[in-house]
C-alpha cells in the first residue's frame, strides 16, 4: 500500500512484540487513520477446516463500548470531527458518539464486503465469512476497522498460502485491491 504512493501506512508494530490492543486503537485514532486493518492467522483443532474471514464490530457491542470510551476519555476527545467537551450535555454527548459509531460501523461493513471477494479469489473463505464480534481493535468510534483472519495455520492449504512469499504476496494484493476500491468509492 505504501509503495503505491497513494496511502500513508502506519504499522502498529514492526517486530514480534506484543502491543496492547488499546494502544493499537489509540495509535490509529491519534494518527487520524481513515481505515484500520488488523491482520491475523488463526489455528483450530479441525485440520480440514480452512478459509479466511473478516470481522466487523457488532451493533450490540458498540453501544456499551461507545459509552465506556466516552467515560474513559472524559468526553474531551474529538470524535468524527465533533469536539465533545465537558460542557456538552450528557444526552447530546451520547447521541453524538452513537451517530459517529454507527457511521464508522457502516464504513467498516462496506470495506469488509469489498475485501471478502478479493480474499476469495486467492484462497478459501470460511462459511459465514463476514462475522461480527466485539474485538477491542474494532471499537474505535471514528476509524472504520476490520479484523482479517487470513486463514487457518492448522490447515495444510491455508498454511502454505500464509507461510510462503508467493502466498503472502497474493493475500497482500487482495487487501490492496479492496483498499483501492474502498477509497475510490469514498
N, C-alpha and C. Protein backbone atom coordinates (compact mmCIF):
# COMPACT_ATOMS: atom_id res chain seq x y z
N UNK A 1 0.83 -1.20 0.00
CA UNK A 1 0.00 0.00 0.00
C UNK A 1 0.86 1.25 0.00
N UNK A 2 1.89 1.25 0.83
CA UNK A 2 2.77 2.41 0.89
C UNK A 2 3.51 2.65 -0.41
N UNK A 3 3.86 1.57 -1.08
CA UNK A 3 4.62 1.68 -2.33
C UNK A 3 3.83 2.34 -3.45
N UNK A 4 2.51 2.34 -3.35
CA UNK A 4 1.69 2.97 -4.40
C UNK A 4 1.81 4.48 -4.36
N UNK A 5 2.19 5.03 -3.22
CA UNK A 5 2.26 6.48 -3.09
C UNK A 5 0.91 7.13 -2.81
N UNK A 6 -0.14 6.33 -2.82
CA UNK A 6 -1.49 6.88 -2.58
C UNK A 6 -1.89 6.84 -1.12
N UNK A 7 -1.16 6.07 -0.32
CA UNK A 7 -1.55 5.87 1.07
C UNK A 7 -0.37 6.11 2.00
N UNK A 8 -0.69 6.60 3.18
CA UNK A 8 0.30 6.68 4.25
C UNK A 8 -0.03 5.53 5.19
N UNK A 9 0.84 4.56 5.23
CA UNK A 9 0.61 3.36 6.03
C UNK A 9 1.35 3.49 7.35
N UNK A 10 0.64 3.22 8.43
CA UNK A 10 1.22 3.25 9.76
C UNK A 10 1.03 1.87 10.37
N UNK A 11 2.12 1.21 10.68
CA UNK A 11 2.06 -0.10 11.30
C UNK A 11 1.99 0.07 12.81
N UNK A 12 1.22 -0.78 13.47
CA UNK A 12 1.16 -0.69 14.93
C UNK A 12 2.41 -1.29 15.56
N UNK A 13 3.15 -2.06 14.80
CA UNK A 13 4.44 -2.61 15.26
C UNK A 13 5.24 -3.06 14.05
N UNK A 14 6.55 -3.14 14.23
CA UNK A 14 7.41 -3.58 13.13
C UNK A 14 8.32 -4.72 13.54
N UNK A 15 8.00 -5.33 14.70
CA UNK A 15 8.75 -6.50 15.16
C UNK A 15 7.79 -7.40 15.93
N UNK A 16 8.28 -8.55 16.34
CA UNK A 16 7.43 -9.53 17.01
C UNK A 16 7.35 -9.23 18.51
N UNK A 17 6.70 -8.12 18.81
CA UNK A 17 6.46 -7.73 20.20
C UNK A 17 4.97 -7.51 20.38
N UNK A 18 4.51 -7.71 21.60
CA UNK A 18 3.09 -7.51 21.87
C UNK A 18 2.82 -6.02 22.09
N UNK A 19 1.80 -5.52 21.43
CA UNK A 19 1.32 -4.16 21.63
C UNK A 19 -0.10 -4.28 22.14
N UNK A 20 -0.37 -3.66 23.28
CA UNK A 20 -1.71 -3.75 23.88
C UNK A 20 -2.77 -3.34 22.86
N UNK A 21 -3.89 -4.01 22.92
CA UNK A 21 -4.96 -3.75 21.97
C UNK A 21 -5.41 -2.30 22.02
N UNK A 22 -5.55 -1.76 23.20
CA UNK A 22 -5.97 -0.36 23.33
C UNK A 22 -4.94 0.58 22.73
N UNK A 23 -3.65 0.21 22.80
CA UNK A 23 -2.60 1.04 22.20
C UNK A 23 -2.69 1.02 20.68
N UNK A 24 -3.06 -0.13 20.12
CA UNK A 24 -3.21 -0.22 18.66
C UNK A 24 -4.32 0.73 18.19
N UNK A 25 -5.44 0.68 18.90
CA UNK A 25 -6.57 1.55 18.55
C UNK A 25 -6.18 3.01 18.74
N UNK A 26 -5.52 3.31 19.84
CA UNK A 26 -5.11 4.69 20.12
C UNK A 26 -4.16 5.20 19.03
N UNK A 27 -3.25 4.35 18.58
CA UNK A 27 -2.30 4.75 17.54
C UNK A 27 -3.05 5.10 16.25
N UNK A 28 -4.05 4.29 15.91
CA UNK A 28 -4.85 4.57 14.72
C UNK A 28 -5.61 5.89 14.87
N UNK A 29 -6.24 6.07 16.01
CA UNK A 29 -7.02 7.29 16.25
C UNK A 29 -6.12 8.51 16.28
N UNK A 30 -4.99 8.41 16.98
CA UNK A 30 -4.09 9.56 17.11
C UNK A 30 -3.51 9.98 15.76
N UNK A 31 -3.35 9.03 14.86
CA UNK A 31 -2.78 9.35 13.54
C UNK A 31 -3.84 9.85 12.56
N UNK A 32 -5.11 9.82 12.98
CA UNK A 32 -6.18 10.24 12.08
C UNK A 32 -6.44 9.23 10.98
N UNK A 33 -6.27 7.96 11.29
CA UNK A 33 -6.42 6.91 10.29
C UNK A 33 -7.81 6.93 9.65
N UNK A 34 -7.84 6.63 8.37
CA UNK A 34 -9.10 6.53 7.64
C UNK A 34 -9.58 5.09 7.56
N UNK A 35 -8.71 4.14 7.92
CA UNK A 35 -9.06 2.72 7.90
C UNK A 35 -8.04 1.98 8.77
N UNK A 36 -8.54 1.02 9.55
CA UNK A 36 -7.67 0.21 10.41
C UNK A 36 -7.90 -1.25 10.04
N UNK A 37 -6.84 -1.93 9.66
CA UNK A 37 -6.92 -3.34 9.29
C UNK A 37 -6.04 -4.13 10.24
N UNK A 38 -6.66 -4.99 11.03
CA UNK A 38 -5.94 -5.84 11.96
C UNK A 38 -5.81 -7.21 11.29
N UNK A 39 -4.58 -7.64 11.03
CA UNK A 39 -4.33 -8.86 10.26
C UNK A 39 -3.89 -10.00 11.17
N UNK A 40 -4.56 -11.15 10.99
CA UNK A 40 -4.32 -12.31 11.85
C UNK A 40 -4.30 -13.60 11.03
N UNK A 41 -3.73 -14.64 11.63
CA UNK A 41 -3.84 -16.01 11.14
C UNK A 41 -4.18 -16.85 12.36
N UNK A 42 -5.17 -17.69 12.23
CA UNK A 42 -5.68 -18.45 13.37
C UNK A 42 -5.31 -19.92 13.24
N UNK A 43 -5.65 -20.69 14.24
CA UNK A 43 -5.49 -22.14 14.23
C UNK A 43 -6.69 -22.74 14.96
N UNK A 44 -7.03 -23.96 14.59
CA UNK A 44 -8.18 -24.63 15.19
C UNK A 44 -7.92 -26.13 15.18
N UNK A 45 -8.57 -26.87 16.04
CA UNK A 45 -8.34 -28.32 16.13
C UNK A 45 -9.01 -29.12 15.01
N UNK A 46 -9.49 -28.46 13.99
CA UNK A 46 -10.12 -29.14 12.84
C UNK A 46 -9.25 -28.90 11.61
N UNK A 47 -8.28 -29.77 11.34
CA UNK A 47 -7.31 -29.52 10.27
C UNK A 47 -7.93 -29.43 8.87
N UNK A 48 -9.12 -29.96 8.67
CA UNK A 48 -9.74 -29.87 7.34
C UNK A 48 -10.43 -28.53 7.11
N UNK A 49 -10.73 -27.81 8.18
CA UNK A 49 -11.38 -26.52 8.07
C UNK A 49 -10.38 -25.49 7.58
N UNK A 50 -10.79 -24.71 6.57
CA UNK A 50 -9.89 -23.71 6.02
C UNK A 50 -10.67 -22.51 5.55
N UNK A 51 -9.96 -21.41 5.43
CA UNK A 51 -10.56 -20.23 4.84
C UNK A 51 -10.36 -18.96 5.66
N UNK A 52 -10.52 -17.85 4.96
CA UNK A 52 -10.39 -16.53 5.55
C UNK A 52 -11.75 -16.04 6.03
N UNK A 53 -11.71 -15.07 6.92
CA UNK A 53 -12.93 -14.41 7.37
C UNK A 53 -12.58 -12.98 7.75
N UNK A 54 -13.61 -12.14 7.79
CA UNK A 54 -13.43 -10.74 8.16
C UNK A 54 -14.46 -10.40 9.22
N UNK A 55 -13.98 -9.81 10.31
CA UNK A 55 -14.85 -9.41 11.41
C UNK A 55 -15.05 -7.90 11.40
N UNK A 56 -16.28 -7.50 11.68
CA UNK A 56 -16.58 -6.10 11.96
C UNK A 56 -17.32 -6.05 13.29
N UNK A 57 -17.40 -4.87 13.84
CA UNK A 57 -18.00 -4.69 15.15
C UNK A 57 -19.50 -4.92 15.09
N UNK A 58 -20.01 -5.62 16.08
CA UNK A 58 -21.45 -5.85 16.14
C UNK A 58 -22.14 -4.65 16.75
N UNK A 59 -23.38 -4.43 16.34
CA UNK A 59 -24.19 -3.33 16.87
C UNK A 59 -24.30 -3.41 18.38
N UNK A 60 -24.50 -4.59 18.89
CA UNK A 60 -24.69 -4.78 20.32
C UNK A 60 -23.45 -4.34 21.10
N UNK A 61 -22.29 -4.70 20.60
CA UNK A 61 -21.06 -4.37 21.32
C UNK A 61 -20.75 -2.88 21.26
N UNK A 62 -21.17 -2.21 20.20
CA UNK A 62 -20.78 -0.82 20.03
C UNK A 62 -21.41 0.11 21.05
N UNK A 63 -22.64 -0.10 21.43
CA UNK A 63 -23.28 0.82 22.36
C UNK A 63 -22.55 0.87 23.69
N UNK A 64 -22.24 -0.27 24.26
CA UNK A 64 -21.52 -0.35 25.53
C UNK A 64 -20.14 0.28 25.39
N UNK A 65 -19.44 -0.03 24.31
CA UNK A 65 -18.10 0.50 24.11
C UNK A 65 -18.12 2.00 23.90
N UNK A 66 -19.06 2.50 23.13
CA UNK A 66 -19.13 3.94 22.90
C UNK A 66 -19.30 4.67 24.22
N UNK A 67 -20.14 4.17 25.08
CA UNK A 67 -20.35 4.78 26.38
C UNK A 67 -19.09 4.70 27.24
N UNK A 68 -18.45 3.54 27.28
CA UNK A 68 -17.24 3.36 28.08
C UNK A 68 -16.11 4.26 27.56
N UNK A 69 -16.01 4.38 26.23
CA UNK A 69 -14.97 5.22 25.65
C UNK A 69 -15.19 6.67 26.05
N UNK A 70 -16.43 7.09 26.01
CA UNK A 70 -16.72 8.48 26.38
C UNK A 70 -16.32 8.74 27.83
N UNK A 71 -16.63 7.82 28.71
CA UNK A 71 -16.25 7.98 30.12
C UNK A 71 -14.74 7.94 30.28
N UNK A 72 -14.09 6.99 29.61
CA UNK A 72 -12.64 6.81 29.73
C UNK A 72 -11.91 8.07 29.31
N UNK A 73 -12.35 8.67 28.27
CA UNK A 73 -11.65 9.84 27.74
C UNK A 73 -12.21 11.14 28.28
N UNK A 74 -13.07 11.03 29.31
CA UNK A 74 -13.67 12.20 29.94
C UNK A 74 -14.42 13.08 28.96
N UNK A 75 -14.84 12.47 27.88
CA UNK A 75 -15.61 13.17 26.86
C UNK A 75 -14.92 14.43 26.37
N UNK A 76 -13.62 14.43 26.37
CA UNK A 76 -12.90 15.61 25.92
C UNK A 76 -12.18 15.35 24.60
N UNK A 77 -12.51 14.27 23.96
CA UNK A 77 -11.85 13.92 22.71
C UNK A 77 -12.68 14.44 21.54
N UNK A 78 -12.07 14.47 20.39
CA UNK A 78 -12.80 14.79 19.18
C UNK A 78 -13.13 13.50 18.50
N UNK A 79 -14.42 13.29 18.23
CA UNK A 79 -14.87 12.06 17.60
C UNK A 79 -15.54 12.42 16.29
N UNK A 80 -15.03 11.86 15.21
CA UNK A 80 -15.57 12.10 13.87
C UNK A 80 -15.65 13.59 13.56
N UNK A 81 -14.67 14.36 14.02
CA UNK A 81 -14.63 15.79 13.73
C UNK A 81 -15.48 16.64 14.66
N UNK A 82 -16.17 16.03 15.61
CA UNK A 82 -17.00 16.78 16.55
C UNK A 82 -16.29 16.88 17.88
N UNK A 83 -16.12 18.10 18.35
CA UNK A 83 -15.47 18.28 19.64
C UNK A 83 -16.51 18.07 20.74
N UNK A 84 -16.29 17.05 21.54
CA UNK A 84 -17.22 16.74 22.61
C UNK A 84 -16.51 17.07 23.92
N UNK A 85 -16.87 18.21 24.51
CA UNK A 85 -16.18 18.62 25.73
C UNK A 85 -17.06 18.43 26.95
N UNK A 86 -16.53 18.81 28.11
CA UNK A 86 -17.26 18.56 29.36
C UNK A 86 -18.51 19.42 29.48
N UNK A 87 -18.65 20.45 28.64
CA UNK A 87 -19.85 21.28 28.70
C UNK A 87 -20.97 20.71 27.85
N UNK A 88 -20.68 19.71 27.04
CA UNK A 88 -21.70 19.09 26.21
C UNK A 88 -22.64 18.29 27.09
N UNK A 89 -23.92 18.51 26.89
CA UNK A 89 -24.94 17.80 27.66
C UNK A 89 -24.74 16.29 27.52
N UNK A 90 -24.96 15.54 28.61
CA UNK A 90 -24.74 14.09 28.64
C UNK A 90 -25.54 13.38 27.55
N UNK A 91 -26.80 13.75 27.36
CA UNK A 91 -27.65 13.12 26.34
C UNK A 91 -27.13 13.44 24.95
N UNK A 92 -26.79 14.69 24.73
CA UNK A 92 -26.26 15.11 23.42
C UNK A 92 -24.94 14.38 23.15
N UNK A 93 -24.09 14.29 24.16
CA UNK A 93 -22.81 13.60 24.03
C UNK A 93 -23.03 12.15 23.61
N UNK A 94 -23.96 11.48 24.28
CA UNK A 94 -24.25 10.09 23.97
C UNK A 94 -24.76 9.93 22.54
N UNK A 95 -25.63 10.83 22.12
CA UNK A 95 -26.18 10.78 20.75
C UNK A 95 -25.08 11.01 19.72
N UNK A 96 -24.21 11.99 19.96
CA UNK A 96 -23.13 12.28 19.01
C UNK A 96 -22.18 11.10 18.87
N UNK A 97 -21.83 10.50 19.99
CA UNK A 97 -20.93 9.34 19.95
C UNK A 97 -21.60 8.18 19.22
N UNK A 98 -22.87 7.95 19.50
CA UNK A 98 -23.60 6.87 18.85
C UNK A 98 -23.67 7.09 17.34
N UNK A 99 -23.95 8.31 16.91
CA UNK A 99 -24.01 8.60 15.47
C UNK A 99 -22.66 8.38 14.79
N UNK A 100 -21.60 8.84 15.45
CA UNK A 100 -20.26 8.64 14.89
C UNK A 100 -19.95 7.16 14.79
N UNK A 101 -20.28 6.40 15.84
CA UNK A 101 -20.00 4.97 15.87
C UNK A 101 -20.78 4.24 14.77
N UNK A 102 -22.03 4.61 14.57
CA UNK A 102 -22.85 3.95 13.54
C UNK A 102 -22.27 4.19 12.15
N UNK A 103 -21.87 5.41 11.86
CA UNK A 103 -21.29 5.70 10.55
C UNK A 103 -19.98 4.93 10.37
N UNK A 104 -19.18 4.87 11.41
CA UNK A 104 -17.93 4.12 11.36
C UNK A 104 -18.20 2.64 11.11
N UNK A 105 -19.20 2.10 11.80
CA UNK A 105 -19.55 0.69 11.61
C UNK A 105 -20.02 0.43 10.19
N UNK A 106 -20.81 1.35 9.62
CA UNK A 106 -21.27 1.19 8.24
C UNK A 106 -20.10 1.17 7.27
N UNK A 107 -19.13 2.04 7.49
CA UNK A 107 -17.93 2.05 6.63
C UNK A 107 -17.13 0.77 6.78
N UNK A 108 -17.05 0.25 8.01
CA UNK A 108 -16.33 -1.00 8.25
C UNK A 108 -16.98 -2.15 7.50
N UNK A 109 -18.29 -2.23 7.56
CA UNK A 109 -19.03 -3.28 6.85
C UNK A 109 -18.83 -3.13 5.35
N UNK A 110 -18.87 -1.90 4.86
CA UNK A 110 -18.67 -1.66 3.43
C UNK A 110 -17.30 -2.18 2.99
N UNK A 111 -16.25 -1.90 3.79
CA UNK A 111 -14.93 -2.38 3.44
C UNK A 111 -14.87 -3.91 3.50
N UNK A 112 -15.46 -4.50 4.52
CA UNK A 112 -15.47 -5.97 4.64
C UNK A 112 -16.09 -6.60 3.40
N UNK A 113 -17.16 -6.01 2.90
CA UNK A 113 -17.84 -6.54 1.71
C UNK A 113 -17.00 -6.39 0.45
N UNK A 114 -16.07 -5.46 0.45
CA UNK A 114 -15.14 -5.31 -0.67
C UNK A 114 -13.96 -6.27 -0.53
N UNK A 115 -13.55 -6.52 0.70
CA UNK A 115 -12.38 -7.35 0.96
C UNK A 115 -12.65 -8.84 0.76
N UNK A 116 -13.79 -9.31 1.20
CA UNK A 116 -14.06 -10.76 1.13
C UNK A 116 -13.98 -11.34 -0.28
N UNK A 117 -14.57 -10.71 -1.29
CA UNK A 117 -14.42 -11.29 -2.64
C UNK A 117 -12.97 -11.33 -3.11
N UNK A 118 -12.18 -10.34 -2.74
CA UNK A 118 -10.76 -10.33 -3.13
C UNK A 118 -10.02 -11.48 -2.46
N UNK A 119 -10.28 -11.69 -1.17
CA UNK A 119 -9.65 -12.81 -0.47
C UNK A 119 -10.12 -14.14 -1.04
N UNK A 120 -11.38 -14.22 -1.44
CA UNK A 120 -11.93 -15.44 -2.03
C UNK A 120 -11.29 -15.79 -3.36
N UNK A 121 -10.76 -14.82 -4.07
CA UNK A 121 -10.07 -15.09 -5.34
C UNK A 121 -8.70 -15.71 -5.10
N UNK A 122 -8.16 -15.53 -3.89
CA UNK A 122 -6.83 -16.02 -3.56
C UNK A 122 -6.89 -17.39 -2.89
N UNK A 123 -7.85 -17.58 -2.02
CA UNK A 123 -7.97 -18.83 -1.26
C UNK A 123 -9.40 -19.06 -0.85
N UNK A 124 -9.59 -19.98 0.04
CA UNK A 124 -10.93 -20.32 0.50
C UNK A 124 -11.43 -19.29 1.52
N UNK A 125 -12.74 -19.20 1.62
CA UNK A 125 -13.38 -18.40 2.66
C UNK A 125 -14.14 -19.33 3.58
N UNK A 126 -14.13 -19.03 4.87
CA UNK A 126 -14.95 -19.79 5.80
C UNK A 126 -16.42 -19.58 5.48
N UNK A 127 -17.23 -20.55 5.82
CA UNK A 127 -18.67 -20.36 5.71
C UNK A 127 -19.02 -19.20 6.64
N UNK A 128 -19.98 -18.37 6.23
CA UNK A 128 -20.29 -17.16 7.00
C UNK A 128 -19.02 -16.35 7.24
N UNK A 129 -18.37 -16.00 6.17
CA UNK A 129 -17.04 -15.38 6.26
C UNK A 129 -17.07 -13.94 6.77
N UNK A 130 -18.22 -13.26 6.70
CA UNK A 130 -18.33 -11.94 7.35
C UNK A 130 -18.92 -12.18 8.72
N UNK A 131 -18.12 -11.92 9.73
CA UNK A 131 -18.50 -12.20 11.11
C UNK A 131 -18.52 -10.91 11.91
N UNK A 132 -19.24 -10.96 13.01
CA UNK A 132 -19.38 -9.79 13.88
C UNK A 132 -18.93 -10.16 15.28
N UNK A 133 -18.16 -9.28 15.90
CA UNK A 133 -17.67 -9.53 17.25
C UNK A 133 -17.31 -8.21 17.90
N UNK A 134 -17.04 -8.27 19.18
CA UNK A 134 -16.67 -7.09 19.94
C UNK A 134 -15.18 -6.99 20.20
N UNK A 135 -14.35 -7.39 19.23
CA UNK A 135 -12.90 -7.29 19.41
C UNK A 135 -12.49 -5.85 19.71
N UNK A 136 -11.60 -5.69 20.65
CA UNK A 136 -11.17 -4.35 21.06
C UNK A 136 -10.64 -3.53 19.89
N UNK A 137 -9.93 -4.16 18.96
CA UNK A 137 -9.35 -3.41 17.84
C UNK A 137 -10.40 -2.90 16.86
N UNK A 138 -11.65 -3.30 17.02
CA UNK A 138 -12.72 -2.84 16.14
C UNK A 138 -13.52 -1.69 16.74
N UNK A 139 -13.16 -1.26 17.93
CA UNK A 139 -14.04 -0.39 18.69
C UNK A 139 -13.74 1.10 18.64
N UNK A 140 -12.87 1.55 17.78
CA UNK A 140 -12.66 3.00 17.66
C UNK A 140 -13.93 3.61 17.09
N UNK A 141 -14.48 4.62 17.73
CA UNK A 141 -15.74 5.18 17.25
C UNK A 141 -15.61 5.99 15.97
N UNK A 142 -14.40 6.33 15.57
CA UNK A 142 -14.22 7.21 14.43
C UNK A 142 -13.22 6.68 13.40
N UNK A 143 -12.85 5.41 13.48
CA UNK A 143 -11.94 4.80 12.50
C UNK A 143 -12.56 3.50 12.01
N UNK A 144 -13.00 3.44 10.75
CA UNK A 144 -13.51 2.16 10.23
C UNK A 144 -12.46 1.08 10.41
N UNK A 145 -12.88 -0.07 10.94
CA UNK A 145 -11.94 -1.11 11.33
C UNK A 145 -12.45 -2.49 10.98
N UNK A 146 -11.53 -3.35 10.55
CA UNK A 146 -11.83 -4.76 10.33
C UNK A 146 -10.71 -5.60 10.94
N UNK A 147 -11.08 -6.79 11.37
CA UNK A 147 -10.10 -7.79 11.79
C UNK A 147 -10.16 -8.88 10.75
N UNK A 148 -9.05 -9.13 10.09
CA UNK A 148 -8.98 -10.10 9.00
C UNK A 148 -8.26 -11.35 9.48
N UNK A 149 -8.95 -12.46 9.44
CA UNK A 149 -8.31 -13.77 9.67
C UNK A 149 -7.98 -14.30 8.28
N UNK A 150 -6.71 -14.27 7.91
CA UNK A 150 -6.31 -14.64 6.55
C UNK A 150 -6.41 -16.13 6.27
N UNK A 151 -6.55 -16.93 7.29
CA UNK A 151 -6.66 -18.37 7.11
C UNK A 151 -6.31 -19.09 8.39
N UNK A 152 -6.30 -20.40 8.29
CA UNK A 152 -6.06 -21.25 9.46
C UNK A 152 -4.73 -21.98 9.29
N UNK A 153 -3.79 -21.67 10.15
CA UNK A 153 -2.48 -22.32 10.08
C UNK A 153 -2.56 -23.81 10.36
N UNK A 154 -3.65 -24.25 10.94
CA UNK A 154 -3.84 -25.68 11.21
C UNK A 154 -4.29 -26.45 9.97
N UNK A 155 -4.58 -25.73 8.87
CA UNK A 155 -4.94 -26.37 7.61
C UNK A 155 -3.74 -26.31 6.66
N UNK A 156 -3.43 -27.44 6.03
CA UNK A 156 -2.26 -27.54 5.16
C UNK A 156 -2.30 -26.48 4.04
N UNK A 157 -3.43 -26.32 3.37
CA UNK A 157 -3.52 -25.40 2.24
C UNK A 157 -3.42 -23.94 2.68
N UNK A 158 -4.13 -23.60 3.76
CA UNK A 158 -4.04 -22.24 4.28
C UNK A 158 -2.62 -21.95 4.77
N UNK A 159 -2.01 -22.91 5.46
CA UNK A 159 -0.66 -22.71 5.99
C UNK A 159 0.32 -22.44 4.85
N UNK A 160 0.16 -23.15 3.75
CA UNK A 160 1.04 -22.94 2.60
C UNK A 160 0.86 -21.52 2.05
N UNK A 161 -0.37 -21.07 1.98
CA UNK A 161 -0.66 -19.71 1.50
C UNK A 161 -0.04 -18.67 2.44
N UNK A 162 -0.18 -18.91 3.73
CA UNK A 162 0.26 -17.94 4.73
C UNK A 162 1.76 -17.94 5.00
N UNK A 163 2.45 -19.03 4.70
CA UNK A 163 3.87 -19.12 5.07
C UNK A 163 4.83 -19.07 3.89
N UNK A 164 4.31 -18.85 2.70
CA UNK A 164 5.20 -18.72 1.54
C UNK A 164 5.13 -17.29 1.00
N UNK A 165 6.23 -16.84 0.45
CA UNK A 165 6.24 -15.48 -0.11
C UNK A 165 5.20 -15.29 -1.21
N UNK A 166 5.06 -16.24 -2.16
CA UNK A 166 4.03 -16.06 -3.18
C UNK A 166 2.61 -16.00 -2.58
N UNK A 167 2.35 -16.82 -1.58
CA UNK A 167 1.04 -16.82 -0.94
C UNK A 167 0.76 -15.51 -0.23
N UNK A 168 1.73 -15.04 0.53
CA UNK A 168 1.57 -13.77 1.24
C UNK A 168 1.44 -12.61 0.26
N UNK A 169 2.15 -12.68 -0.85
CA UNK A 169 2.04 -11.63 -1.86
C UNK A 169 0.62 -11.58 -2.43
N UNK A 170 0.05 -12.75 -2.71
CA UNK A 170 -1.33 -12.80 -3.23
C UNK A 170 -2.31 -12.21 -2.22
N UNK A 171 -2.13 -12.54 -0.95
CA UNK A 171 -3.00 -12.00 0.09
C UNK A 171 -2.84 -10.49 0.20
N UNK A 172 -1.61 -10.01 0.13
CA UNK A 172 -1.36 -8.57 0.21
C UNK A 172 -2.00 -7.84 -0.96
N UNK A 173 -1.91 -8.41 -2.15
CA UNK A 173 -2.52 -7.79 -3.33
C UNK A 173 -4.05 -7.77 -3.18
N UNK A 174 -4.61 -8.81 -2.63
CA UNK A 174 -6.07 -8.85 -2.41
C UNK A 174 -6.49 -7.72 -1.47
N UNK A 175 -5.74 -7.53 -0.40
CA UNK A 175 -6.06 -6.45 0.54
C UNK A 175 -5.91 -5.10 -0.15
N UNK A 176 -4.84 -4.93 -0.91
CA UNK A 176 -4.60 -3.67 -1.62
C UNK A 176 -5.74 -3.36 -2.58
N UNK A 177 -6.20 -4.36 -3.32
CA UNK A 177 -7.30 -4.13 -4.27
C UNK A 177 -8.55 -3.65 -3.55
N UNK A 178 -8.85 -4.27 -2.42
CA UNK A 178 -10.03 -3.87 -1.65
C UNK A 178 -9.86 -2.45 -1.11
N UNK A 179 -8.67 -2.11 -0.64
CA UNK A 179 -8.41 -0.76 -0.14
C UNK A 179 -8.58 0.25 -1.27
N UNK A 180 -8.06 -0.06 -2.46
CA UNK A 180 -8.21 0.82 -3.60
C UNK A 180 -9.68 1.09 -3.92
N UNK A 181 -10.48 0.04 -3.95
CA UNK A 181 -11.91 0.19 -4.25
C UNK A 181 -12.60 0.99 -3.16
N UNK A 182 -12.28 0.69 -1.92
CA UNK A 182 -12.89 1.39 -0.79
C UNK A 182 -12.65 2.90 -0.88
N UNK A 183 -11.41 3.30 -1.09
CA UNK A 183 -11.12 4.74 -1.12
C UNK A 183 -11.56 5.39 -2.43
N UNK A 184 -11.61 4.63 -3.50
CA UNK A 184 -12.15 5.19 -4.75
C UNK A 184 -13.62 5.52 -4.58
N UNK A 185 -14.35 4.68 -3.84
CA UNK A 185 -15.79 4.87 -3.66
C UNK A 185 -16.15 5.83 -2.54
N UNK A 186 -15.16 6.20 -1.72
CA UNK A 186 -15.44 7.10 -0.58
C UNK A 186 -15.65 8.52 -1.06
